[in-house]
Structure formats: structure tokens, C-alpha cells
Amino acid sequence: DVFVLPTRRDTYAAVVHEAACLGMPLLISQHAGACEALVKEDITGFACVPEDSHTFADQMQRLLEPTTRARMSAASRMVGDQISAHRRGPALWHWMTEQFFS
């Protein structure tokens, strides 16, 4: 129903992007690189501080509400899709060819 990654260090967990593309609300550690790209606070989910158990519990409690999950699910799927490889790949390829092969 939700995707939770309370890591203390992670450069960019691809699994967070996969969860977003599947429309899962996200509760992701602020220490995960994917948090900056995919978590839009109270829209796609929440950024958490793993050491702050009280706030983490509050965020989890909010994700138990079905209407909150449904709203965040739709937003998460949209954000995940917007920055997915099938959308960004062609733009990156175009930039690379202009930079290195022109």
C-alpha cells in the first residue's frame, strides 16, 4: 500500500523510482538520493528523518488514511513517470550527441 525506505545512507535507490511508477505513496529517508527527486512533501509522500521516530510514526499514521493514500498514489505515479527513462532517455541522448558528436 505504501513504500517505506528509512535508510541512513543511499545514493539513489532505483526501487524508490519503481515504487513511484507503480503508484505507491512514498515514505523515504531524507538521506536517500531518490528522496530529492521523487518525494514532493505531502503530495507524493513524505521525507523522513530515520532518527526521529515520533515524526516517522506520525507520517506512517497519515499514510493509513485511504483518501491520503489514493491522492498520493496518483501523484506518485505521475512524478515517477515524468522522470522515467523512457521519457528522459531521448532528451539525454539528444544532449549527448550534441555535446560529443557535433
PDB file of N, CA and C in Angstrom:
ATOM      1  N   ASP A   1       0.802  -1.201   0.000  1.00  0.00           N
ATOM      2  CA  ASP A   1       0.000   0.000   0.000  1.00  0.00           C
ATOM      3  C   ASP A   1       0.848   1.270   0.000  1.00  0.00           C
ATOM      4  N   VAL A   2       2.015   1.220   0.636  1.00  0.00           N
ATOM      5  CA  VAL A   2       2.952   2.345   0.656  1.00  0.00           C
ATOM      6  C   VAL A   2       4.360   1.780   0.538  1.00  0.00           C
ATOM      7  N   PHE A   3       5.294   2.626   0.151  1.00  0.00           N
ATOM      8  CA  PHE A   3       6.689   2.204   0.088  1.00  0.00           C
ATOM      9  C   PHE A   3       7.478   3.009   1.112  1.00  0.00           C
ATOM     10  N   VAL A   4       8.201   2.295   1.970  1.00  0.00           N
ATOM     11  CA  VAL A   4       8.946   2.928   3.055  1.00  0.00           C
ATOM     12  C   VAL A   4      10.416   2.551   2.937  1.00  0.00           C
ATOM     13  N   LEU A   5      11.287   3.564   2.962  1.00  0.00           N
ATOM     14  CA  LEU A   5      12.732   3.344   2.935  1.00  0.00           C
ATOM     15  C   LEU A   5      13.386   4.302   3.933  1.00  0.00           C
ATOM     16  N   PRO A   6      13.495   3.884   5.212  1.00  0.00           N
ATOM     17  CA  PRO A   6      14.080   4.761   6.228  1.00  0.00           C
ATOM     18  C   PRO A   6      15.602   4.605   6.337  1.00  0.00           C
ATOM     19  N   THR A   7      16.273   4.585   5.215  1.00  0.00           N
ATOM     20  CA  THR A   7      17.715   4.371   5.184  1.00  0.00           C
ATOM     21  C   THR A   7      18.480   5.553   5.788  1.00  0.00           C
ATOM     22  N   ARG A   8      19.677   5.261   6.243  1.00  0.00           N
ATOM     23  CA  ARG A   8      20.537   6.334   6.749  1.00  0.00           C
ATOM     24  C   ARG A   8      21.550   6.784   5.701  1.00  0.00           C
ATOM     25  N   ARG A   9      21.652   6.025   4.606  1.00  0.00           N
ATOM     26  CA  ARG A   9      22.557   6.406   3.526  1.00  0.00           C
ATOM     27  C   ARG A   9      22.195   5.613   2.277  1.00  0.00           C
ATOM     28  N   ASP A  10      21.985   6.324   1.207  1.00  0.00           N
ATOM     29  CA  ASP A  10      21.697   5.677  -0.065  1.00  0.00           C
ATOM     30  C   ASP A  10      21.878   6.718  -1.157  1.00  0.00           C
ATOM     31  N   THR A  11      22.652   6.405  -2.174  1.00  0.00           N
ATOM     32  CA  THR A  11      22.898   7.378  -3.221  1.00  0.00           C
ATOM     33  C   THR A  11      21.653   7.603  -4.069  1.00  0.00           C
ATOM     34  N   TYR A  12      21.079   6.557  -4.598  1.00  0.00           N
ATOM     35  CA  TYR A  12      19.815   6.632  -5.340  1.00  0.00           C
ATOM     36  C   TYR A  12      19.278   5.226  -5.462  1.00  0.00           C
ATOM     37  N   ALA A  13      18.325   4.888  -4.637  1.00  0.00           N
ATOM     38  CA  ALA A  13      17.726   3.555  -4.666  1.00  0.00           C
ATOM     39  C   ALA A  13      16.721   3.499  -5.812  1.00  0.00           C
ATOM     40  N   ALA A  14      17.043   2.748  -6.845  1.00  0.00           N
ATOM     41  CA  ALA A  14      16.152   2.638  -8.000  1.00  0.00           C
ATOM     42  C   ALA A  14      14.794   2.078  -7.605  1.00  0.00           C
ATOM     43  N   VAL A  15      14.758   1.308  -6.551  1.00  0.00           N
ATOM     44  CA  VAL A  15      13.498   0.719  -6.103  1.00  0.00           C
ATOM     45  C   VAL A  15      12.489   1.797  -5.696  1.00  0.00           C
ATOM     46  N   VAL A  16      12.951   2.952  -5.249  1.00  0.00           N
ATOM     47  CA  VAL A  16      12.049   4.048  -4.914  1.00  0.00           C
ATOM     48  C   VAL A  16      11.358   4.540  -6.179  1.00  0.00           C
ATOM     49  N   HIS A  17      12.121   4.666  -7.248  1.00  0.00           N
ATOM     50  CA  HIS A  17      11.551   5.090  -8.528  1.00  0.00           C
ATOM     51  C   HIS A  17      10.556   4.048  -9.033  1.00  0.00           C
ATOM     52  N   GLU A  18      10.892   2.782  -8.884  1.00  0.00           N
ATOM     53  CA  GLU A  18       9.982   1.717  -9.298  1.00  0.00           C
ATOM     54  C   GLU A  18       8.673   1.788  -8.513  1.00  0.00           C
ATOM     55  N   ALA A  19       8.772   2.029  -7.207  1.00  0.00           N
ATOM     56  CA  ALA A  19       7.577   2.140  -6.370  1.00  0.00           C
ATOM     57  C   ALA A  19       6.725   3.323  -6.799  1.00  0.00           C
ATOM     58  N   ALA A  20       7.363   4.442  -7.113  1.00  0.00           N
ATOM     59  CA  ALA A  20       6.622   5.616  -7.572  1.00  0.00           C
ATOM     60  C   ALA A  20       5.897   5.310  -8.882  1.00  0.00           C
ATOM     61  N   CYS A  21       6.580   4.660  -9.804  1.00  0.00           N
ATOM     62  CA  CYS A  21       5.955   4.313 -11.083  1.00  0.00           C
ATOM     63  C   CYS A  21       4.774   3.359 -10.907  1.00  0.00           C
ATOM     64  N   LEU A  22       4.794   2.585  -9.840  1.00  0.00           N
ATOM     65  CA  LEU A  22       3.673   1.692  -9.534  1.00  0.00           C
ATOM     66  C   LEU A  22       2.567   2.402  -8.771  1.00  0.00           C
ATOM     67  N   GLY A  23       2.766   3.681  -8.479  1.00  0.00           N
ATOM     68  CA  GLY A  23       1.738   4.461  -7.808  1.00  0.00           C
ATOM     69  C   GLY A  23       1.681   4.252  -6.310  1.00  0.00           C
ATOM     70  N   MET A  24       2.822   4.020  -5.710  1.00  0.00           N
ATOM     71  CA  MET A  24       2.843   3.837  -4.261  1.00  0.00           C
ATOM     72  C   MET A  24       3.207   5.153  -3.577  1.00  0.00           C
ATOM     73  N   PRO A  25       2.452   5.560  -2.558  1.00  0.00           N
ATOM     74  CA  PRO A  25       2.877   6.707  -1.750  1.00  0.00           C
ATOM     75  C   PRO A  25       4.232   6.378  -1.126  1.00  0.00           C
ATOM     76  N   LEU A  26       5.064   7.379  -0.962  1.00  0.00           N
ATOM     77  CA  LEU A  26       6.444   7.171  -0.531  1.00  0.00           C
ATOM     78  C   LEU A  26       6.698   7.759   0.851  1.00  0.00           C
ATOM     79  N   LEU A  27       7.403   6.997   1.676  1.00  0.00           N
ATOM     80  CA  LEU A  27       7.938   7.495   2.942  1.00  0.00           C
ATOM     81  C   LEU A  27       9.422   7.172   2.886  1.00  0.00           C
ATOM     82  N   ILE A  28      10.209   8.155   2.480  1.00  0.00           N
ATOM     83  CA  ILE A  28      11.611   7.938   2.131  1.00  0.00           C
ATOM     84  C   ILE A  28      12.511   8.816   2.983  1.00  0.00           C
ATOM     85  N   SER A  29      13.598   8.229   3.428  1.00  0.00           N
ATOM     86  CA  SER A  29      14.576   8.958   4.221  1.00  0.00           C
ATOM     87  C   SER A  29      15.145  10.140   3.451  1.00  0.00           C
ATOM     88  N   GLN A  30      15.337  11.225   4.152  1.00  0.00           N
ATOM     89  CA  GLN A  30      15.967  12.395   3.530  1.00  0.00           C
ATOM     90  C   GLN A  30      17.400  12.092   3.110  1.00  0.00           C
ATOM     91  N   HIS A  31      17.977  10.996   3.583  1.00  0.00           N
ATOM     92  CA  HIS A  31      19.338  10.617   3.237  1.00  0.00           C
ATOM     93  C   HIS A  31      19.412   9.830   1.926  1.00  0.00           C
ATOM     94  N   ALA A  32      18.279   9.460   1.366  1.00  0.00           N
ATOM     95  CA  ALA A  32      18.250   8.716   0.107  1.00  0.00           C
ATOM     96  C   ALA A  32      18.216   9.707  -1.051  1.00  0.00           C
ATOM     97  N   GLY A  33      19.080   9.508  -2.017  1.00  0.00           N
ATOM     98  CA  GLY A  33      19.128  10.405  -3.165  1.00  0.00           C
ATOM     99  C   GLY A  33      17.806  10.485  -3.908  1.00  0.00           C
ATOM    100  N   ALA A  34      17.070   9.394  -3.941  1.00  0.00           N
ATOM    101  CA  ALA A  34      15.787   9.371  -4.632  1.00  0.00           C
ATOM    102  C   ALA A  34      14.752  10.253  -3.949  1.00  0.00           C
ATOM    103  N   CYS A  35      14.959  10.558  -2.700  1.00  0.00           N
ATOM    104  CA  CYS A  35      14.013  11.403  -1.963  1.00  0.00           C
ATOM    105  C   CYS A  35      13.901  12.773  -2.625  1.00  0.00           C
ATOM    106  N   GLU A  36      15.008  13.362  -2.956  1.00  0.00           N
ATOM    107  CA  GLU A  36      15.001  14.696  -3.569  1.00  0.00           C
ATOM    108  C   GLU A  36      14.282  14.691  -4.913  1.00  0.00           C
ATOM    109  N   ALA A  37      14.458  13.617  -5.665  1.00  0.00           N
ATOM    110  CA  ALA A  37      13.862  13.548  -6.997  1.00  0.00           C
ATOM    111  C   ALA A  37      12.384  13.186  -6.973  1.00  0.00           C
ATOM    112  N   LEU A  38      11.964  12.359  -6.023  1.00  0.00           N
ATOM    113  CA  LEU A  38      10.626  11.772  -6.101  1.00  0.00           C
ATOM    114  C   LEU A  38       9.643  12.183  -5.019  1.00  0.00           C
ATOM    115  N   VAL A  39      10.152  12.607  -3.864  1.00  0.00           N
ATOM    116  CA  VAL A  39       9.221  12.964  -2.788  1.00  0.00           C
ATOM    117  C   VAL A  39       8.876  14.444  -2.872  1.00  0.00           C
ATOM    118  N   LYS A  40       7.639  14.690  -3.144  1.00  0.00           N
ATOM    119  CA  LYS A  40       7.074  16.037  -3.095  1.00  0.00           C
ATOM    120  C   LYS A  40       6.239  16.026  -1.816  1.00  0.00           C
ATOM    121  N   GLU A  41       6.706  16.735  -0.818  1.00  0.00           N
ATOM    122  CA  GLU A  41       6.145  16.656   0.540  1.00  0.00           C
ATOM    123  C   GLU A  41       4.628  16.813   0.553  1.00  0.00           C
ATOM    124  N   ASP A  42       3.975  15.814   1.121  1.00  0.00           N
ATOM    125  CA  ASP A  42       2.513  15.746   1.274  1.00  0.00           C
ATOM    126  C   ASP A  42       1.785  15.685  -0.074  1.00  0.00           C
ATOM    127  N   ILE A  43       2.529  15.405  -1.136  1.00  0.00           N
ATOM    128  CA  ILE A  43       1.925  15.226  -2.459  1.00  0.00           C
ATOM    129  C   ILE A  43       2.152  13.795  -2.919  1.00  0.00           C
ATOM    130  N   THR A  44       3.426  13.386  -3.012  1.00  0.00           N
ATOM    131  CA  THR A  44       3.743  12.001  -3.369  1.00  0.00           C
ATOM    132  C   THR A  44       4.059  11.165  -2.132  1.00  0.00           C
ATOM    133  N   GLY A  45       4.254  11.828  -1.023  1.00  0.00           N
ATOM    134  CA  GLY A  45       4.598  11.130   0.219  1.00  0.00           C
ATOM    135  C   GLY A  45       5.297  12.060   1.171  1.00  0.00           C
ATOM    136  N   PHE A  46       6.192  11.481   1.953  1.00  0.00           N
ATOM    137  CA  PHE A  46       6.899  12.256   2.967  1.00  0.00           C
ATOM    138  C   PHE A  46       8.381  11.917   2.985  1.00  0.00           C
ATOM    139  N   ALA A  47       9.199  12.920   3.229  1.00  0.00           N
ATOM    140  CA  ALA A  47      10.616  12.718   3.521  1.00  0.00           C
ATOM    141  C   ALA A  47      10.709  12.524   5.025  1.00  0.00           C
ATOM    142  N   CYS A  48      11.460  11.530   5.440  1.00  0.00           N
ATOM    143  CA  CYS A  48      11.561  11.276   6.875  1.00  0.00           C
ATOM    144  C   CYS A  48      12.997  11.396   7.351  1.00  0.00           C
ATOM    145  N   VAL A  49      13.124  11.620   8.634  1.00  0.00           N
ATOM    146  CA  VAL A  49      14.410  11.602   9.320  1.00  0.00           C
ATOM    147  C   VAL A  49      14.401  10.305  10.129  1.00  0.00           C
ATOM    148  N   PRO A  50      15.169   9.300   9.717  1.00  0.00           N
ATOM    149  CA  PRO A  50      15.091   7.993  10.375  1.00  0.00           C
ATOM    150  C   PRO A  50      15.290   8.044  11.889  1.00  0.00           C
ATOM    151  N   GLU A  51      16.073   8.994  12.364  1.00  0.00           N
ATOM    152  CA  GLU A  51      16.347   9.072  13.797  1.00  0.00           C
ATOM    153  C   GLU A  51      15.189   9.701  14.589  1.00  0.00           C
ATOM    154  N   ASP A  52      14.244  10.324  13.906  1.00  0.00           N
ATOM    155  CA  ASP A  52      13.112  10.982  14.559  1.00  0.00           C
ATOM    156  C   ASP A  52      11.902  10.044  14.528  1.00  0.00           C
ATOM    157  N   SER A  53      11.854   9.142  15.484  1.00  0.00           N
ATOM    158  CA  SER A  53      10.821   8.103  15.474  1.00  0.00           C
ATOM    159  C   SER A  53       9.413   8.659  15.667  1.00  0.00           C
ATOM    160  N   HIS A  54       9.272   9.743  16.367  1.00  0.00           N
ATOM    161  CA  HIS A  54       7.937  10.310  16.593  1.00  0.00           C
ATOM    162  C   HIS A  54       7.347  10.865  15.292  1.00  0.00           C
ATOM    163  N   THR A  55       8.128  11.628  14.564  1.00  0.00           N
ATOM    164  CA  THR A  55       7.648  12.168  13.288  1.00  0.00           C
ATOM    165  C   THR A  55       7.423  11.041  12.292  1.00  0.00           C
ATOM    166  N   PHE A  56       8.324  10.071  12.280  1.00  0.00           N
ATOM    167  CA  PHE A  56       8.186   8.910  11.396  1.00  0.00           C
ATOM    168  C   PHE A  56       6.851   8.208  11.675  1.00  0.00           C
ATOM    169  N   ALA A  57       6.543   8.000  12.946  1.00  0.00           N
ATOM    170  CA  ALA A  57       5.273   7.362  13.322  1.00  0.00           C
ATOM    171  C   ALA A  57       4.081   8.212  12.889  1.00  0.00           C
ATOM    172  N   ASP A  58       4.169   9.509  13.027  1.00  0.00           N
ATOM    173  CA  ASP A  58       3.092  10.400  12.586  1.00  0.00           C
ATOM    174  C   ASP A  58       2.879  10.298  11.075  1.00  0.00           C
ATOM    175  N   GLN A  59       3.990  10.264  10.330  1.00  0.00           N
ATOM    176  CA  GLN A  59       3.890  10.149   8.880  1.00  0.00           C
ATOM    177  C   GLN A  59       3.261   8.811   8.486  1.00  0.00           C
ATOM    178  N   MET A  60       3.660   7.740   9.160  1.00  0.00           N
ATOM    179  CA  MET A  60       3.069   6.427   8.901  1.00  0.00           C
ATOM    180  C   MET A  60       1.569   6.460   9.203  1.00  0.00           C
ATOM    181  N   GLN A  61       1.205   7.091  10.298  1.00  0.00           N
ATOM    182  CA  GLN A  61      -0.208   7.198  10.676  1.00  0.00           C
ATOM    183  C   GLN A  61      -1.009   7.912   9.591  1.00  0.00           C
ATOM    184  N   ARG A  62      -0.449   8.967   9.043  1.00  0.00           N
ATOM    185  CA  ARG A  62      -1.141   9.709   7.973  1.00  0.00           C
ATOM    186  C   ARG A  62      -1.335   8.844   6.740  1.00  0.00           C
ATOM    187  N   LEU A  63      -0.374   7.947   6.482  1.00  0.00           N
ATOM    188  CA  LEU A  63      -0.468   7.070   5.315  1.00  0.00           C
ATOM    189  C   LEU A  63      -1.488   5.949   5.505  1.00  0.00           C
ATOM    190  N   LEU A  64      -2.000   5.783   6.703  1.00  0.00           N
ATOM    191  CA  LEU A  64      -3.048   4.789   6.934  1.00  0.00           C
ATOM    192  C   LEU A  64      -4.412   5.263   6.428  1.00  0.00           C
ATOM    193  N   GLU A  65      -4.552   6.550   6.199  1.00  0.00           N
ATOM    194  CA  GLU A  65      -5.810   7.121   5.738  1.00  0.00           C
ATOM    195  C   GLU A  65      -5.991   6.821   4.241  1.00  0.00           C
ATOM    196  N   PRO A  66      -7.058   6.092   3.865  1.00  0.00           N
ATOM    197  CA  PRO A  66      -7.262   5.703   2.466  1.00  0.00           C
ATOM    198  C   PRO A  66      -7.308   6.871   1.473  1.00  0.00           C
ATOM    199  N   THR A  67      -7.934   7.976   1.836  1.00  0.00           N
ATOM    200  CA  THR A  67      -8.007   9.098   0.884  1.00  0.00           C
ATOM    201  C   THR A  67      -6.638   9.741   0.679  1.00  0.00           C
ATOM    202  N   THR A  68      -5.835   9.778   1.734  1.00  0.00           N
ATOM    203  CA  THR A  68      -4.467  10.302   1.616  1.00  0.00           C
ATOM    204  C   THR A  68      -3.659   9.404   0.697  1.00  0.00           C
ATOM    205  N   ARG A  69      -3.737   8.089   0.912  1.00  0.00           N
ATOM    206  CA  ARG A  69      -3.005   7.144   0.066  1.00  0.00           C
ATOM    207  C   ARG A  69      -3.443   7.252  -1.390  1.00  0.00           C
ATOM    208  N   ALA A  70      -4.727   7.371  -1.626  1.00  0.00           N
ATOM    209  CA  ALA A  70      -5.221   7.450  -3.011  1.00  0.00           C
ATOM    210  C   ALA A  70      -4.704   8.707  -3.701  1.00  0.00           C
ATOM    211  N   ARG A  71      -4.748   9.823  -3.012  1.00  0.00           N
ATOM    212  CA  ARG A  71      -4.258  11.086  -3.576  1.00  0.00           C
ATOM    213  C   ARG A  71      -2.764  10.999  -3.870  1.00  0.00           C
ATOM    214  N   MET A  72      -2.006  10.492  -2.904  1.00  0.00           N
ATOM    215  CA  MET A  72      -0.555  10.394  -3.073  1.00  0.00           C
ATOM    216  C   MET A  72      -0.184   9.347  -4.114  1.00  0.00           C
ATOM    217  N   SER A  73      -0.970   8.302  -4.217  1.00  0.00           N
ATOM    218  CA  SER A  73      -0.708   7.261  -5.206  1.00  0.00           C
ATOM    219  C   SER A  73      -0.738   7.826  -6.618  1.00  0.00           C
ATOM    220  N   ALA A  74      -1.773   8.595  -6.925  1.00  0.00           N
ATOM    221  CA  ALA A  74      -1.894   9.189  -8.260  1.00  0.00           C
ATOM    222  C   ALA A  74      -0.744  10.150  -8.540  1.00  0.00           C
ATOM    223  N   ALA A  75      -0.400  10.967  -7.559  1.00  0.00           N
ATOM    224  CA  ALA A  75       0.691  11.936  -7.738  1.00  0.00           C
ATOM    225  C   ALA A  75       2.032  11.226  -7.876  1.00  0.00           C
ATOM    226  N   SER A  76       2.238  10.189  -7.096  1.00  0.00           N
ATOM    227  CA  SER A  76       3.493   9.450  -7.140  1.00  0.00           C
ATOM    228  C   SER A  76       3.691   8.800  -8.510  1.00  0.00           C
ATOM    229  N   ARG A  77       2.631   8.203  -9.025  1.00  0.00           N
ATOM    230  CA  ARG A  77       2.717   7.578 -10.359  1.00  0.00           C
ATOM    231  C   ARG A  77       3.063   8.625 -11.416  1.00  0.00           C
ATOM    232  N   MET A  78       2.462   9.790 -11.339  1.00  0.00           N
ATOM    233  CA  MET A  78       2.714  10.841 -12.316  1.00  0.00           C
ATOM    234  C   MET A  78       4.165  11.332 -12.233  1.00  0.00           C
ATOM    235  N   VAL A  79       4.670  11.595 -11.042  1.00  0.00           N
ATOM    236  CA  VAL A  79       6.047  12.061 -10.877  1.00  0.00           C
ATOM    237  C   VAL A  79       7.035  10.985 -11.320  1.00  0.00           C
ATOM    238  N   GLY A  80       6.778   9.736 -10.937  1.00  0.00           N
ATOM    239  CA  GLY A  80       7.659   8.643 -11.356  1.00  0.00           C
ATOM    240  C   GLY A  80       7.736   8.520 -12.861  1.00  0.00           C
ATOM    241  N   ASP A  81       6.586   8.654 -13.516  1.00  0.00           N
ATOM    242  CA  ASP A  81       6.545   8.557 -14.968  1.00  0.00           C
ATOM    243  C   ASP A  81       7.251   9.738 -15.634  1.00  0.00           C
ATOM    244  N   GLN A  82       7.085  10.933 -15.080  1.00  0.00           N
ATOM    245  CA  GLN A  82       7.680  12.133 -15.678  1.00  0.00           C
ATOM    246  C   GLN A  82       9.202  12.061 -15.747  1.00  0.00           C
ATOM    247  N   ILE A  83       9.830  11.413 -14.786  1.00  0.00           N
ATOM    248  CA  ILE A  83      11.302  11.362 -14.797  1.00  0.00           C
ATOM    249  C   ILE A  83      11.830   9.968 -15.113  1.00  0.00           C
ATOM    250  N   SER A  84      10.985   9.122 -15.681  1.00  0.00           N
ATOM    251  CA  SER A  84      11.425   7.765 -16.007  1.00  0.00           C
ATOM    252  C   SER A  84      12.305   7.761 -17.247  1.00  0.00           C
ATOM    253  N   ALA A  85      13.016   6.684 -17.421  1.00  0.00           N
ATOM    254  CA  ALA A  85      13.986   6.579 -18.515  1.00  0.00           C
ATOM    255  C   ALA A  85      13.327   6.685 -19.883  1.00  0.00           C
ATOM    256  N   HIS A  86      12.128   6.138 -20.048  1.00  0.00           N
ATOM    257  CA  HIS A  86      11.503   6.205 -21.377  1.00  0.00           C
ATOM    258  C   HIS A  86      11.126   7.627 -21.758  1.00  0.00           C
ATOM    259  N   ARG A  87      11.005   8.519 -20.787  1.00  0.00           N
ATOM    260  CA  ARG A  87      10.734   9.929 -21.093  1.00  0.00           C
ATOM    261  C   ARG A  87      12.021  10.747 -21.146  1.00  0.00           C
ATOM    262  N   ARG A  88      12.924  10.511 -20.215  1.00  0.00           N
ATOM    263  CA  ARG A  88      14.142  11.310 -20.121  1.00  0.00           C
ATOM    264  C   ARG A  88      15.254  10.785 -21.024  1.00  0.00           C
ATOM    265  N   GLY A  89      15.223   9.508 -21.366  1.00  0.00           N
ATOM    266  CA  GLY A  89      16.276   8.904 -22.187  1.00  0.00           C
ATOM    267  C   GLY A  89      16.515   9.606 -23.506  1.00  0.00           C
ATOM    268  N   PRO A  90      15.468   9.851 -24.306  1.00  0.00           N
ATOM    269  CA  PRO A  90      15.679  10.542 -25.579  1.00  0.00           C
ATOM    270  C   PRO A  90      16.282  11.937 -25.413  1.00  0.00           C
ATOM    271  N   ALA A  91      15.874  12.666 -24.383  1.00  0.00           N
ATOM    272  CA  ALA A  91      16.440  14.000 -24.146  1.00  0.00           C
ATOM    273  C   ALA A  91      17.919  13.901 -23.788  1.00  0.00           C
ATOM    274  N   LEU A  92      18.271  12.917 -22.984  1.00  0.00           N
ATOM    275  CA  LEU A  92      19.674  12.719 -22.618  1.00  0.00           C
ATOM    276  C   LEU A  92      20.493  12.327 -23.842  1.00  0.00           C
ATOM    277  N   TRP A  93      19.968  11.431 -24.666  1.00  0.00           N
ATOM    278  CA  TRP A  93      20.672  11.019 -25.879  1.00  0.00           C
ATOM    279  C   TRP A  93      20.884  12.222 -26.803  1.00  0.00           C
ATOM    280  N   HIS A  94      19.882  13.050 -26.969  1.00  0.00           N
ATOM    281  CA  HIS A  94      19.995  14.243 -27.806  1.00  0.00           C
ATOM    282  C   HIS A  94      21.092  15.168 -27.274  1.00  0.00           C
ATOM    283  N   TRP A  95      21.093  15.410 -25.974  1.00  0.00           N
ATOM    284  CA  TRP A  95      22.112  16.264 -25.364  1.00  0.00           C
ATOM    285  C   TRP A  95      23.510  15.682 -25.572  1.00  0.00           C
ATOM    286  N   MET A  96      23.654  14.370 -25.361  1.00  0.00           N
ATOM    287  CA  MET A  96      24.969  13.732 -25.512  1.00  0.00           C
ATOM    288  C   MET A  96      25.464  13.831 -26.946  1.00  0.00           C
ATOM    289  N   THR A  97      24.604  13.598 -27.908  1.00  0.00           N
ATOM    290  CA  THR A  97      25.039  13.654 -29.308  1.00  0.00           C
ATOM    291  C   THR A  97      25.438  15.078 -29.695  1.00  0.00           C
ATOM    292  N   GLU A  98      24.714  16.076 -29.170  1.00  0.00           N
ATOM    293  CA  GLU A  98      25.098  17.455 -29.463  1.00  0.00           C
ATOM    294  C   GLU A  98      26.426  17.818 -28.811  1.00  0.00           C
ATOM    295  N   GLN A  99      26.655  17.360 -27.597  1.00  0.00           N
ATOM    296  CA  GLN A  99      27.864  17.697 -26.852  1.00  0.00           C
ATOM    297  C   GLN A  99      29.108  17.011 -27.397  1.00  0.00           C
ATOM    298  N   PHE A 100      28.972  15.752 -27.765  1.00  0.00           N
ATOM    299  CA  PHE A 100      30.159  14.956 -28.067  1.00  0.00           C
ATOM    300  C   PHE A 100      30.331  14.568 -29.520  1.00  0.00           C
ATOM    301  N   PHE A 101      29.282  14.695 -30.327  1.00  0.00           N
ATOM    302  CA  PHE A 101      29.382  14.213 -31.704  1.00  0.00           C
ATOM    303  C   PHE A 101      29.073  15.280 -32.741  1.00  0.00           C
ATOM    304  N   SER A 102      28.930  16.511 -32.328  1.00  0.00           N
ATOM    305  CA  SER A 102      28.635  17.579 -33.298  1.00  0.00           C
ATOM    306  C   SER A 102      29.885  18.307 -33.704  1.00  0.00           C
TER     307      SER A 102
END
